[in-house]
Amino acid sequence: MVRAGGFTVVNVAAVVVTFNRLDKLKTVISSIEAQTLQPSTLIIIDNASTDGTDQYLSSLTSTLNVEIVTMKENTGGAGGFAEGMSRGYRAGADHVWIMDDDCYPSETALQNLVVGFDEAVAELGPDVPFACSAVKFVDDTLCEMNNPVPTWDWGRLLIKGQQNVMVTSCSFVSVLIPRWAIAEYGLPYSEYFIWFDDKEYTMRLTHRCPGVQVLDSVVTHDMGENKGVNFADVNSKNVWKFAYGVRNESSYLLHHRGFLYYVEFGMRLFVSLRRGRVAIQLRGKLMGKWLRGITFNPKVSHVDDVPLTRA
């Protein structure tokens, strides 16, 4: 690491996971290229897109060092991030900076993440496991789905004059993860496919020290609707996503927190679906996924134990 222009310059591997969002992906790439602190490499994981993403990426020219990985099949966000983080780690990156293909970082997003991370480490010690950005929606309002969970003493670093809030978990929408954390805690559960993979992983990382949200590192999340996760909103079009979320969260609660947490989640799920007047067949499907959590229990994969996926 060296100092330049008042901030620490580190070897950062940026990882973007994409699936059938070519127009948004182009904006993400240009946003990363415009960073005041440039990542050392940009790793793009194409999850077997069918919208021409592969042709675009095959002829991509960039100011950055770009590595393109075309997956043989769609492994979801969870599988894509596990692949990209593994590649960044094996390339020798000090930090891996991960985001979705609809996350547009402001020009100083990475620079401020690095500064905020360093400031947090100076105050809390070397166990700070990640730094995440503040996420806004396209209309400049707070993005409802991407609010980190704060610690009880969340303002401890703010009192010290930092722009950091202490958190226990966050979404994978602009997160800076140091090399040591990946080495010690492994990779996200690729078997989760989508939903709850980010929360589980960041809760895993904060086992002994909280992470931080860096308030002056700002990204825009260009998602369809600015809504959080609410089981009352389940319908025939989105039930497939909720099904992954229910299976993954119930598995985590049962196998990592305890039986009572699992039961309480099932009760909340049942009540929320009933109050939302969700169709009976959809309720049955999601309650079935809750039961699936009993036997679904992925194991942590470490970088050295997982072969890289070949395109």
Protein backbone atom coordinates (compact mmCIF):
# COMPACT_ATOMS: atom_id res chain seq x y z
CA MET A 1 0.00 0.00 0.00
CA VAL A 2 1.15 3.54 -0.75
CA ARG A 3 -0.20 7.02 -0.11
CA ALA A 4 -1.20 9.26 -3.00
CA GLY A 5 -3.30 12.40 -3.06
CA GLY A 6 -4.20 12.07 0.60
CA PHE A 7 -5.65 8.56 0.48
CA THR A 8 -4.38 5.01 0.55
CA VAL A 9 -3.89 3.32 -2.81
CA VAL A 10 -4.54 -0.40 -2.59
CA ASN A 11 -4.84 -3.30 -5.00
CA VAL A 12 -8.62 -3.52 -5.41
CA ALA A 13 -10.37 -6.06 -7.62
CA ALA A 14 -13.83 -4.80 -8.61
CA VAL A 15 -16.35 -7.61 -9.21
CA VAL A 16 -19.60 -7.16 -11.14
CA VAL A 17 -22.06 -10.03 -11.56
CA THR A 18 -24.44 -9.69 -14.50
CA PHE A 19 -27.37 -11.54 -16.05
CA ASN A 20 -29.40 -10.16 -18.97
CA ARG A 21 -29.00 -6.47 -18.11
CA LEU A 22 -26.71 -5.32 -20.88
CA ASP A 23 -27.81 -1.67 -20.95
CA LYS A 24 -27.36 -1.31 -17.19
CA LEU A 25 -24.07 -3.21 -17.27
CA LYS A 26 -22.66 -0.64 -19.70
CA THR A 27 -23.48 2.12 -17.20
CA VAL A 28 -21.86 0.15 -14.37
CA ILE A 29 -18.67 -0.32 -16.37
CA SER A 30 -18.44 3.37 -17.31
CA SER A 31 -19.08 4.32 -13.66
CA ILE A 32 -16.21 2.11 -12.51
CA GLU A 33 -13.94 3.49 -15.22
CA ALA A 34 -14.66 7.01 -13.93
CA GLN A 35 -13.54 6.31 -10.35
CA THR A 36 -11.08 8.76 -8.78
CA LEU A 37 -9.39 5.71 -7.26
CA GLN A 38 -9.15 3.12 -10.02
CA PRO A 39 -9.44 -0.57 -9.21
CA SER A 40 -6.47 -2.66 -10.26
CA THR A 41 -8.73 -4.97 -12.20
CA LEU A 42 -12.39 -5.33 -13.12
CA ILE A 43 -13.76 -8.87 -13.04
CA ILE A 44 -17.09 -9.28 -14.85
CA ILE A 45 -18.98 -12.50 -14.17
CA ASP A 46 -21.50 -13.12 -16.95
CA ASN A 47 -24.04 -15.61 -15.61
CA ALA A 48 -24.78 -17.18 -19.03
CA SER A 49 -26.71 -14.13 -20.27
CA THR A 50 -28.86 -14.53 -23.40
CA ASP A 51 -29.32 -10.85 -24.32
CA GLY A 52 -26.10 -10.27 -26.24
CA THR A 53 -23.97 -9.57 -23.17
CA ASP A 54 -21.40 -12.16 -24.22
CA GLN A 55 -20.91 -10.56 -27.64
CA TYR A 56 -20.58 -7.11 -26.09
CA LEU A 57 -18.05 -8.26 -23.53
CA SER A 58 -16.00 -10.18 -26.09
CA SER A 59 -15.26 -6.91 -27.91
CA LEU A 60 -15.10 -4.64 -24.85
CA THR A 61 -12.30 -2.09 -24.71
CA SER A 62 -11.68 -0.35 -21.40
CA THR A 63 -9.24 1.89 -19.59
CA LEU A 64 -9.17 -0.80 -16.91
CA ASN A 65 -7.58 -4.22 -16.79
CA VAL A 66 -10.67 -6.36 -17.42
CA GLU A 67 -11.17 -10.08 -16.82
CA ILE A 68 -14.35 -11.54 -18.29
CA VAL A 69 -15.70 -14.84 -17.02
CA THR A 70 -18.63 -16.43 -18.86
CA MET A 71 -20.32 -19.00 -16.68
CA LYS A 72 -21.59 -22.19 -18.28
CA GLU A 73 -24.93 -21.73 -16.52
CA ASN A 74 -26.68 -19.11 -14.42
CA THR A 75 -25.39 -19.56 -10.87
CA GLY A 76 -27.31 -16.59 -9.50
CA GLY A 77 -25.84 -13.64 -7.67
CA ALA A 78 -24.51 -15.91 -4.93
CA GLY A 79 -22.60 -18.16 -7.31
CA GLY A 80 -21.36 -15.23 -9.35
CA PHE A 81 -20.02 -13.35 -6.33
CA ALA A 82 -18.33 -16.47 -4.98
CA GLU A 83 -16.61 -16.93 -8.34
CA GLY A 84 -15.59 -13.29 -8.65
CA MET A 85 -14.34 -12.99 -5.08
CA SER A 86 -12.31 -16.16 -5.52
CA ARG A 87 -10.70 -14.78 -8.67
CA GLY A 88 -9.94 -11.43 -7.06
CA TYR A 89 -8.38 -13.12 -4.06
CA ARG A 90 -6.24 -15.46 -6.17
CA ALA A 91 -5.07 -12.50 -8.24
CA GLY A 92 -3.56 -11.05 -5.05
CA ALA A 93 -6.04 -8.22 -4.42
CA ASP A 94 -5.86 -6.44 -1.04
CA HIS A 95 -9.62 -5.87 -1.23
CA VAL A 96 -12.47 -7.12 -3.39
CA TRP A 97 -15.19 -4.57 -4.25
CA ILE A 98 -18.44 -6.30 -5.21
CA MET A 99 -21.66 -5.03 -6.78
CA ASP A 100 -24.63 -6.00 -8.93
CA ASP A 101 -25.08 -5.06 -12.59
CA ASP A 102 -27.54 -2.29 -11.71
CA CYS A 103 -25.30 -0.49 -9.19
CA TYR A 104 -23.83 2.81 -10.40
CA PRO A 105 -21.06 4.10 -8.11
CA SER A 106 -20.44 7.83 -7.91
CA GLU A 107 -16.94 8.93 -8.93
CA THR A 108 -15.56 8.94 -5.38
CA ALA A 109 -17.36 5.81 -4.20
CA LEU A 110 -14.31 3.54 -4.11
CA GLN A 111 -11.92 6.21 -2.87
CA ASN A 112 -14.22 7.04 0.04
CA LEU A 113 -14.77 3.36 0.82
CA VAL A 114 -11.02 2.85 1.16
CA VAL A 115 -10.61 5.98 3.28
CA GLY A 116 -13.58 5.05 5.47
CA PHE A 117 -12.30 1.50 5.91
CA ASP A 118 -8.85 2.75 6.93
CA GLU A 119 -10.36 5.22 9.41
CA ALA A 120 -12.51 2.50 10.95
CA VAL A 121 -9.51 0.20 11.30
CA ALA A 122 -7.54 2.98 12.99
CA GLU A 123 -10.28 3.30 15.61
CA LEU A 124 -11.62 -0.26 15.99
CA GLY A 125 -8.56 -2.35 15.13
CA PRO A 126 -7.65 -4.68 12.25
CA ASP A 127 -10.72 -6.92 12.53
CA VAL A 128 -13.07 -4.57 10.61
CA PRO A 129 -14.39 -7.03 7.99
CA PHE A 130 -16.00 -4.80 5.35
CA ALA A 131 -17.05 -1.31 4.32
CA CYS A 132 -20.25 -0.72 2.34
CA SER A 133 -21.63 2.31 0.53
CA ALA A 134 -24.74 4.38 1.12
CA VAL A 135 -27.30 3.32 -1.50
CA LYS A 136 -29.84 5.61 -3.11
CA PHE A 137 -32.59 4.95 -5.65
CA VAL A 138 -32.61 6.57 -9.09
CA ASP A 139 -34.76 9.43 -7.77
CA ASP A 140 -32.18 10.21 -5.05
CA THR A 141 -34.32 8.77 -2.25
CA LEU A 142 -33.02 6.11 0.12
CA CYS A 143 -33.02 2.66 -1.50
CA GLU A 144 -35.39 0.66 0.69
CA MET A 145 -33.88 -2.76 -0.01
CA ASN A 146 -30.29 -1.84 0.77
CA ASN A 147 -30.29 -0.53 4.33
CA PRO A 148 -27.56 -2.11 6.49
CA VAL A 149 -28.45 -3.33 9.96
CA PRO A 150 -26.80 -0.99 12.52
CA THR A 151 -25.17 -2.02 15.77
CA TRP A 152 -26.59 -0.76 19.08
CA ASP A 153 -23.70 1.74 19.23
CA TRP A 154 -23.87 2.62 15.53
CA GLY A 155 -22.75 6.23 16.05
CA ARG A 156 -19.47 5.46 17.83
CA LEU A 157 -17.33 6.45 14.84
CA LEU A 158 -19.49 9.43 13.93
CA ILE A 159 -18.67 10.91 17.34
CA LYS A 160 -14.99 10.65 16.36
CA GLY A 161 -15.63 12.77 13.28
CA GLN A 162 -15.73 9.90 10.78
CA GLN A 163 -18.37 9.37 8.09
CA ASN A 164 -18.80 5.76 9.21
CA VAL A 165 -21.75 3.99 10.80
CA MET A 166 -21.15 0.61 12.44
CA VAL A 167 -23.28 -2.22 10.98
CA THR A 168 -23.74 -5.96 11.36
CA SER A 169 -24.89 -6.82 7.83
CA CYS A 170 -25.49 -5.27 4.43
CA SER A 171 -26.48 -6.11 0.87
CA PHE A 172 -24.04 -6.84 -1.95
CA VAL A 173 -24.53 -3.40 -3.51
CA SER A 174 -21.03 -1.92 -3.28
CA VAL A 175 -19.14 -3.70 -0.51
CA LEU A 176 -15.36 -3.56 0.03
CA ILE A 177 -14.07 -6.79 1.60
CA PRO A 178 -10.42 -7.13 2.72
CA ARG A 179 -8.35 -10.10 1.70
CA TRP A 180 -7.94 -11.44 5.23
CA ALA A 181 -11.73 -11.71 5.71
CA ILE A 182 -12.11 -13.88 2.60
CA ALA A 183 -9.21 -16.06 3.72
CA GLU A 184 -10.66 -16.54 7.22
CA TYR A 185 -14.40 -16.69 6.60
CA GLY A 186 -14.53 -18.19 3.12
CA LEU A 187 -16.91 -17.38 0.28
CA PRO A 188 -20.66 -16.73 0.13
CA TYR A 189 -22.85 -19.82 -0.13
CA SER A 190 -23.12 -20.27 -3.89
CA GLU A 191 -25.95 -22.75 -3.30
CA TYR A 192 -28.17 -19.89 -2.08
CA PHE A 193 -28.41 -18.68 -5.71
CA ILE A 194 -30.10 -15.37 -4.82
CA TRP A 195 -31.53 -13.62 -1.74
CA PHE A 196 -30.12 -13.76 1.77
CA ASP A 197 -26.65 -14.72 0.50
CA ASP A 198 -25.44 -11.18 1.21
CA LYS A 199 -26.99 -10.92 4.66
CA GLU A 200 -25.69 -14.33 5.74
CA TYR A 201 -22.20 -13.60 4.48
CA THR A 202 -21.84 -10.18 6.07
CA MET A 203 -23.26 -11.48 9.35
CA ARG A 204 -20.64 -14.22 9.14
CA LEU A 205 -17.93 -11.59 8.67
CA THR A 206 -19.05 -9.55 11.69
CA HIS A 207 -18.60 -12.45 14.09
CA ARG A 208 -16.08 -10.54 16.20
CA CYS A 209 -16.14 -6.97 14.84
CA PRO A 210 -18.79 -4.89 13.05
CA GLY A 211 -18.42 -3.63 9.52
CA VAL A 212 -19.04 -0.02 8.54
CA GLN A 213 -21.25 1.87 6.17
CA VAL A 214 -19.31 4.79 4.69
CA LEU A 215 -21.84 7.57 4.33
CA ASP A 216 -19.90 9.62 1.78
CA SER A 217 -19.40 6.62 -0.51
CA VAL A 218 -22.58 6.77 -2.57
CA VAL A 219 -23.98 4.47 -5.24
CA THR A 220 -27.27 4.40 -7.14
CA HIS A 221 -29.25 1.18 -7.32
CA ASP A 222 -31.27 1.13 -10.54
CA MET A 223 -33.75 -1.51 -9.43
CA GLY A 224 -37.28 -1.72 -10.80
CA GLU A 225 -39.24 -0.50 -7.79
CA ASN A 226 -37.96 1.12 -4.62
CA LYS A 227 -39.43 -1.44 -2.26
CA GLY A 228 -38.05 -3.60 0.52
CA VAL A 229 -38.77 -7.28 1.00
CA ASN A 230 -42.37 -7.80 2.15
CA PHE A 231 -43.99 -11.23 2.05
CA ALA A 232 -47.38 -9.56 1.61
CA ASP A 233 -46.21 -8.56 -1.89
CA VAL A 234 -45.80 -12.13 -3.14
CA ASN A 235 -47.46 -12.83 -6.48
CA SER A 236 -47.15 -15.35 -9.31
CA LYS A 237 -44.42 -13.31 -11.03
CA ASN A 238 -42.07 -12.79 -8.09
CA VAL A 239 -42.73 -15.90 -6.01
CA TRP A 240 -39.63 -17.61 -7.44
CA LYS A 241 -37.38 -15.02 -5.79
CA PHE A 242 -39.20 -15.18 -2.48
CA ALA A 243 -38.91 -18.98 -2.61
CA TYR A 244 -35.11 -18.76 -2.62
CA GLY A 245 -35.20 -16.18 0.16
CA VAL A 246 -37.44 -18.30 2.40
CA ARG A 247 -35.41 -21.46 1.87
CA ASN A 248 -32.12 -19.70 2.51
CA GLU A 249 -33.17 -17.74 5.58
CA SER A 250 -34.94 -20.68 7.21
CA SER A 251 -31.87 -22.85 6.61
CA TYR A 252 -29.61 -20.23 8.15
CA LEU A 253 -31.81 -19.72 11.20
CA LEU A 254 -32.20 -23.42 11.92
CA HIS A 255 -28.62 -24.51 11.37
CA HIS A 256 -26.78 -21.42 12.62
CA ARG A 257 -29.06 -19.76 15.16
CA GLY A 258 -31.32 -22.48 16.59
CA PHE A 259 -34.71 -24.19 16.38
CA LEU A 260 -36.69 -21.39 18.06
CA TYR A 261 -35.41 -18.83 15.52
CA TYR A 262 -36.50 -21.17 12.74
CA VAL A 263 -39.98 -21.63 14.21
CA GLU A 264 -40.41 -17.89 14.83
CA PHE A 265 -39.52 -17.16 11.20
CA GLY A 266 -42.08 -19.71 10.02
CA MET A 267 -44.77 -18.11 12.16
CA ARG A 268 -43.96 -14.63 10.85
CA LEU A 269 -43.98 -15.95 7.30
CA PHE A 270 -47.39 -17.59 7.77
CA VAL A 271 -48.94 -14.48 9.30
CA SER A 272 -47.47 -12.12 6.68
CA LEU A 273 -48.75 -14.24 3.79
CA ARG A 274 -52.19 -14.48 5.37
CA ARG A 275 -52.45 -10.77 6.11
CA GLY A 276 -51.29 -9.97 2.59
CA ARG A 277 -54.04 -12.22 1.21
CA VAL A 278 -51.49 -14.02 -0.91
CA ALA A 279 -53.00 -16.77 -3.06
CA ILE A 280 -53.32 -20.09 -1.21
CA GLN A 281 -51.15 -22.03 -3.66
CA LEU A 282 -48.36 -19.46 -3.32
CA ARG A 283 -48.59 -19.60 0.47
CA GLY A 284 -48.25 -23.36 0.28
CA LYS A 285 -45.20 -23.09 -1.95
CA LEU A 286 -43.40 -20.72 0.41
CA MET A 287 -44.28 -22.70 3.52
CA GLY A 288 -42.86 -25.71 1.69
CA LYS A 289 -39.64 -23.79 1.16
CA TRP A 290 -39.59 -23.04 4.89
CA LEU A 291 -39.70 -26.79 5.54
CA ARG A 292 -36.99 -27.28 2.91
CA GLY A 293 -34.66 -25.34 5.19
CA ILE A 294 -34.50 -28.39 7.47
CA THR A 295 -32.46 -30.44 4.99
CA PHE A 296 -30.86 -27.60 3.02
CA ASN A 297 -27.60 -26.74 4.77
CA PRO A 298 -24.67 -25.64 2.57
CA LYS A 299 -21.15 -25.75 3.94
CA VAL A 300 -18.64 -22.91 3.83
CA SER A 301 -16.32 -23.01 0.83
CA HIS A 302 -12.81 -21.58 1.13
CA VAL A 303 -10.89 -20.09 -1.78
CA ASP A 304 -8.20 -22.76 -1.85
CA ASP A 305 -10.79 -25.56 -1.87
CA VAL A 306 -12.81 -24.38 -4.88
CA PRO A 307 -11.58 -24.76 -8.47
CA LEU A 308 -12.18 -21.74 -10.69
CA THR A 309 -15.05 -22.08 -13.13
CA ARG A 310 -13.90 -22.36 -16.71
CA ALA A 311 -15.80 -20.52 -19.44
